[in-house]
Amino acid sequence: NGLIQKIVNTVEGVHSAVVKVYSDRKACSIAVKIYLILWEGVSYPEVNEKIQEQVKIKIASEMGIEKIESFTIVLKKIVPKEETPNLPIDAVAVVE
């Protein structure tokens, strides 16, 4: 779960995500479900494809699991990009 979370968080355009992993030890397979929050202006299909590709490669190479039974990515929300407000000089704290 932590490995997949790290992968998802490194994909450009991802604001945040919740990852759920279900395993079937007998079949040596897993099911992955990701609830995704993206930044505004990002292509959901492209992000979805990147996440699935990177997770499959990493899971196979690091965990030896070749079979992902199901891989679901649910787009929960798109968050508008907020610009950093320009603070007046006297509102900025100087740390020494």
C-alpha atoms as a PDB file:
ATOM      1  CA  ASN A   1       0.000   0.000   0.000  1.00  0.00           C
ATOM      2  CA  GLY A   2       2.794   2.423   0.900  1.00  0.00           C
ATOM      3  CA  LEU A   3       4.687   1.608  -2.290  1.00  0.00           C
ATOM      4  CA  ILE A   4       1.657   2.310  -4.469  1.00  0.00           C
ATOM      5  CA  GLN A   5       0.902   5.509  -2.532  1.00  0.00           C
ATOM      6  CA  LYS A   6       4.440   6.774  -3.229  1.00  0.00           C
ATOM      7  CA  ILE A   7       4.116   6.006  -6.925  1.00  0.00           C
ATOM      8  CA  VAL A   8       0.756   7.776  -7.216  1.00  0.00           C
ATOM      9  CA  ASN A   9       2.015  10.852  -5.359  1.00  0.00           C
ATOM     10  CA  THR A  10       4.928  11.248  -7.805  1.00  0.00           C
ATOM     11  CA  VAL A  11       2.698  11.419 -10.889  1.00  0.00           C
ATOM     12  CA  GLU A  12       2.437  14.979 -12.163  1.00  0.00           C
ATOM     13  CA  GLY A  13      -1.010  16.491 -11.671  1.00  0.00           C
ATOM     14  CA  VAL A  14      -1.971  14.428  -8.627  1.00  0.00           C
ATOM     15  CA  HIS A  15      -3.088  16.555  -5.686  1.00  0.00           C
ATOM     16  CA  SER A  16      -3.666  13.596  -3.357  1.00  0.00           C
ATOM     17  CA  ALA A  17      -4.946  10.036  -3.328  1.00  0.00           C
ATOM     18  CA  VAL A  18      -6.217   7.258  -1.102  1.00  0.00           C
ATOM     19  CA  VAL A  19      -4.982   3.791  -2.056  1.00  0.00           C
ATOM     20  CA  LYS A  20      -6.684   0.519  -1.130  1.00  0.00           C
ATOM     21  CA  VAL A  21      -5.006  -2.811  -1.880  1.00  0.00           C
ATOM     22  CA  TYR A  22      -6.687  -6.202  -1.545  1.00  0.00           C
ATOM     23  CA  SER A  23      -4.593  -9.353  -1.839  1.00  0.00           C
ATOM     24  CA  ASP A  24      -5.343 -12.955  -2.747  1.00  0.00           C
ATOM     25  CA  ARG A  25      -2.409 -15.004  -1.485  1.00  0.00           C
ATOM     26  CA  LYS A  26      -3.613 -18.242  -3.097  1.00  0.00           C
ATOM     27  CA  ALA A  27      -3.778 -16.687  -6.561  1.00  0.00           C
ATOM     28  CA  CYS A  28      -0.720 -14.499  -5.895  1.00  0.00           C
ATOM     29  CA  SER A  29      -2.632 -11.486  -7.151  1.00  0.00           C
ATOM     30  CA  ILE A  30      -3.855  -8.142  -5.878  1.00  0.00           C
ATOM     31  CA  ALA A  31      -6.691  -5.738  -6.561  1.00  0.00           C
ATOM     32  CA  VAL A  32      -5.971  -2.009  -6.431  1.00  0.00           C
ATOM     33  CA  LYS A  33      -8.473   0.802  -5.946  1.00  0.00           C
ATOM     34  CA  ILE A  34      -7.326   4.427  -5.939  1.00  0.00           C
ATOM     35  CA  TYR A  35      -9.462   7.444  -5.064  1.00  0.00           C
ATOM     36  CA  LEU A  36      -7.805  10.339  -6.838  1.00  0.00           C
ATOM     37  CA  ILE A  37      -7.888  14.111  -6.454  1.00  0.00           C
ATOM     38  CA  LEU A  38      -6.299  16.001  -9.342  1.00  0.00           C
ATOM     39  CA  TRP A  39      -5.234  19.551  -9.926  1.00  0.00           C
ATOM     40  CA  GLU A  40      -7.312  21.564 -12.379  1.00  0.00           C
ATOM     41  CA  GLY A  41      -6.086  21.486 -15.980  1.00  0.00           C
ATOM     42  CA  VAL A  42      -4.688  17.952 -15.814  1.00  0.00           C
ATOM     43  CA  SER A  43      -5.770  15.232 -18.249  1.00  0.00           C
ATOM     44  CA  TYR A  44      -7.439  12.483 -16.223  1.00  0.00           C
ATOM     45  CA  PRO A  45      -6.981   9.787 -18.915  1.00  0.00           C
ATOM     46  CA  GLU A  46      -3.242  10.550 -19.130  1.00  0.00           C
ATOM     47  CA  VAL A  47      -2.795  10.484 -15.349  1.00  0.00           C
ATOM     48  CA  ASN A  48      -4.819   7.258 -15.123  1.00  0.00           C
ATOM     49  CA  GLU A  49      -2.626   5.606 -17.765  1.00  0.00           C
ATOM     50  CA  LYS A  50       0.635   6.754 -16.115  1.00  0.00           C
ATOM     51  CA  ILE A  51      -0.449   5.520 -12.688  1.00  0.00           C
ATOM     52  CA  GLN A  52      -1.516   2.089 -13.964  1.00  0.00           C
ATOM     53  CA  GLU A  53       1.658   1.650 -16.012  1.00  0.00           C
ATOM     54  CA  GLN A  54       4.030   2.706 -13.218  1.00  0.00           C
ATOM     55  CA  VAL A  55       2.244   0.682 -10.523  1.00  0.00           C
ATOM     56  CA  LYS A  56       2.218  -2.501 -12.640  1.00  0.00           C
ATOM     57  CA  ILE A  57       5.943  -2.211 -13.385  1.00  0.00           C
ATOM     58  CA  LYS A  58       6.917  -1.480  -9.779  1.00  0.00           C
ATOM     59  CA  ILE A  59       4.699  -4.184  -8.270  1.00  0.00           C
ATOM     60  CA  ALA A  60       6.135  -6.783 -10.668  1.00  0.00           C
ATOM     61  CA  SER A  61       9.769  -5.767 -10.127  1.00  0.00           C
ATOM     62  CA  GLU A  62       9.758  -5.168  -6.366  1.00  0.00           C
ATOM     63  CA  MET A  63       7.119  -7.586  -5.122  1.00  0.00           C
ATOM     64  CA  GLY A  64       7.133 -10.274  -7.798  1.00  0.00           C
ATOM     65  CA  ILE A  65       3.381  -9.933  -8.350  1.00  0.00           C
ATOM     66  CA  GLU A  66       2.644 -10.221 -12.045  1.00  0.00           C
ATOM     67  CA  LYS A  67      -1.136 -10.264 -11.794  1.00  0.00           C
ATOM     68  CA  ILE A  68      -3.281  -7.320 -10.787  1.00  0.00           C
ATOM     69  CA  GLU A  69      -6.779  -8.801 -10.726  1.00  0.00           C
ATOM     70  CA  SER A  70      -8.496  -5.422 -10.943  1.00  0.00           C
ATOM     71  CA  PHE A  71      -7.209  -1.875 -11.114  1.00  0.00           C
ATOM     72  CA  THR A  72      -9.753   0.852 -10.469  1.00  0.00           C
ATOM     73  CA  ILE A  73      -9.034   4.567 -10.334  1.00  0.00           C
ATOM     74  CA  VAL A  74     -11.899   6.760  -9.180  1.00  0.00           C
ATOM     75  CA  LEU A  75     -11.684  10.498  -9.824  1.00  0.00           C
ATOM     76  CA  LYS A  76     -13.114  12.021  -6.660  1.00  0.00           C
ATOM     77  CA  LYS A  77     -12.422  15.692  -7.231  1.00  0.00           C
ATOM     78  CA  ILE A  78     -10.610  18.299  -9.302  1.00  0.00           C
ATOM     79  CA  VAL A  79      -8.997  21.018  -7.217  1.00  0.00           C
ATOM     80  CA  PRO A  80      -8.495  24.509  -8.656  1.00  0.00           C
ATOM     81  CA  LYS A  81      -4.934  25.760  -8.695  1.00  0.00           C
ATOM     82  CA  GLU A  82      -4.633  28.526  -6.178  1.00  0.00           C
ATOM     83  CA  GLU A  83      -2.080  31.216  -6.681  1.00  0.00           C
ATOM     84  CA  THR A  84       0.098  32.125  -3.746  1.00  0.00           C
ATOM     85  CA  PRO A  85      -1.087  35.469  -2.427  1.00  0.00           C
ATOM     86  CA  ASN A  86       1.413  38.316  -2.479  1.00  0.00           C
ATOM     87  CA  LEU A  87       1.938  39.227   1.136  1.00  0.00           C
ATOM     88  CA  PRO A  88       2.928  42.732   2.152  1.00  0.00           C
ATOM     89  CA  ILE A  89       6.538  42.982   3.296  1.00  0.00           C
ATOM     90  CA  ASP A  90       5.561  43.664   6.921  1.00  0.00           C
ATOM     91  CA  ALA A  91       3.541  40.414   7.019  1.00  0.00           C
ATOM     92  CA  VAL A  92       6.572  38.270   6.225  1.00  0.00           C
ATOM     93  CA  ALA A  93       8.441  36.930   9.232  1.00  0.00           C
ATOM     94  CA  VAL A  94      12.218  36.820   9.132  1.00  0.00           C
ATOM     95  CA  VAL A  95      13.808  33.898  10.966  1.00  0.00           C
ATOM     96  CA  GLU A  96      17.400  34.247  12.139  1.00  0.00           C
END
